[in-house]
Amino acid sequence: MSNTELEARLIALETEVAQLKAQQQTSAETPWWEEILGSFANDPAYDEAMQLGRQYRESLRPQTESTSTT
C-alpha cells in the first residue's frame, strides 16, 4: 500500500471518527426515553398490549379467601 493510499484511508477514518463522536455527543444530550416518549400515542395495538399485560399480572396475584372460587 502506497503512502498516498494510506494517507487517504487515514483521513477517511479520522473523518468518520469525528462524525461518530459528534453523533454520540448529540444523542447524550437527550435522554433515550424522551426520544421515544409518545411514539405509541393513539395506537390501539399498544393499548391492547398494555391491557393484556395488566390482565396477566393480575392473574398471577394470589387469590384472597373472599374472592376465591372454591
Protein backbone atom coordinates (compact mmCIF):
# COMPACT_ATOMS: atom_id res chain seq x y z
CA MET A 1 0.00 0.00 0.00
CA SER A 2 1.45 3.33 -1.01
CA ASN A 3 1.77 6.30 1.31
CA THR A 4 -0.88 8.16 -0.69
CA GLU A 5 -3.40 5.34 -0.24
CA LEU A 6 -2.56 5.02 3.43
CA GLU A 7 -2.97 8.75 3.94
CA ALA A 8 -6.35 8.73 2.18
CA ARG A 9 -7.57 5.86 4.37
CA LEU A 10 -6.35 7.65 7.50
CA ILE A 11 -8.19 10.84 6.53
CA ALA A 12 -11.38 8.84 5.87
CA LEU A 13 -11.10 7.14 9.26
CA GLU A 14 -10.45 10.40 11.09
CA THR A 15 -13.49 11.95 9.40
CA GLU A 16 -15.70 9.01 10.35
CA VAL A 17 -14.47 9.04 13.96
CA ALA A 18 -15.22 12.76 14.19
CA GLN A 19 -18.74 12.16 12.87
CA LEU A 20 -19.33 9.33 15.35
CA LYS A 21 -18.12 11.49 18.25
CA ALA A 22 -20.44 14.31 17.22
CA GLN A 23 -23.34 11.88 16.87
CA GLN A 24 -22.66 10.37 20.29
CA GLN A 25 -22.42 13.79 21.90
CA THR A 26 -25.75 14.87 20.37
CA SER A 27 -27.57 11.74 21.49
CA ALA A 28 -26.11 12.02 25.00
CA GLU A 29 -27.79 15.41 25.42
CA THR A 30 -31.29 13.93 25.13
CA PRO A 31 -32.27 11.04 27.41
CA TRP A 32 -33.32 7.95 25.44
CA TRP A 33 -36.77 7.90 26.98
CA GLU A 34 -37.50 11.42 25.74
CA GLU A 35 -36.75 10.30 22.18
CA ILE A 36 -39.43 7.57 22.32
CA LEU A 37 -41.91 9.39 24.54
CA GLY A 38 -45.30 9.44 22.86
CA SER A 39 -44.31 7.18 19.98
CA PHE A 40 -47.22 4.84 20.83
CA ALA A 41 -49.81 7.57 21.35
CA ASN A 42 -53.22 6.68 19.91
CA ASP A 43 -52.00 3.21 18.92
CA PRO A 44 -54.73 0.60 19.56
CA ALA A 45 -52.21 -2.26 19.40
CA TYR A 46 -50.18 -0.67 22.20
CA ASP A 47 -53.30 -0.10 24.30
CA GLU A 48 -54.30 -3.73 23.82
CA ALA A 49 -50.81 -4.94 24.76
CA MET A 50 -50.93 -2.89 27.96
CA GLN A 51 -54.38 -4.29 28.82
CA LEU A 52 -53.27 -7.87 28.19
CA GLY A 53 -50.15 -7.33 30.29
CA ARG A 54 -52.25 -5.94 33.13
CA GLN A 55 -54.62 -8.92 32.96
CA TYR A 56 -51.69 -11.34 33.01
CA ARG A 57 -50.04 -9.68 36.01
CA GLU A 58 -53.35 -9.65 37.87
CA SER A 59 -53.81 -13.37 37.13
CA LEU A 60 -50.52 -14.06 38.92
CA ARG A 61 -51.61 -12.38 42.14
CA PRO A 62 -52.62 -14.76 44.92
CA GLN A 63 -56.37 -15.01 45.38
CA THR A 64 -57.76 -13.89 48.73
CA GLU A 65 -60.31 -16.07 50.50
CA SER A 66 -63.15 -13.64 49.80
CA THR A 67 -62.51 -13.66 46.04
CA SER A 68 -61.51 -17.30 45.53
CA THR A 69 -64.00 -19.64 43.87
CA THR A 70 -63.59 -22.92 45.80
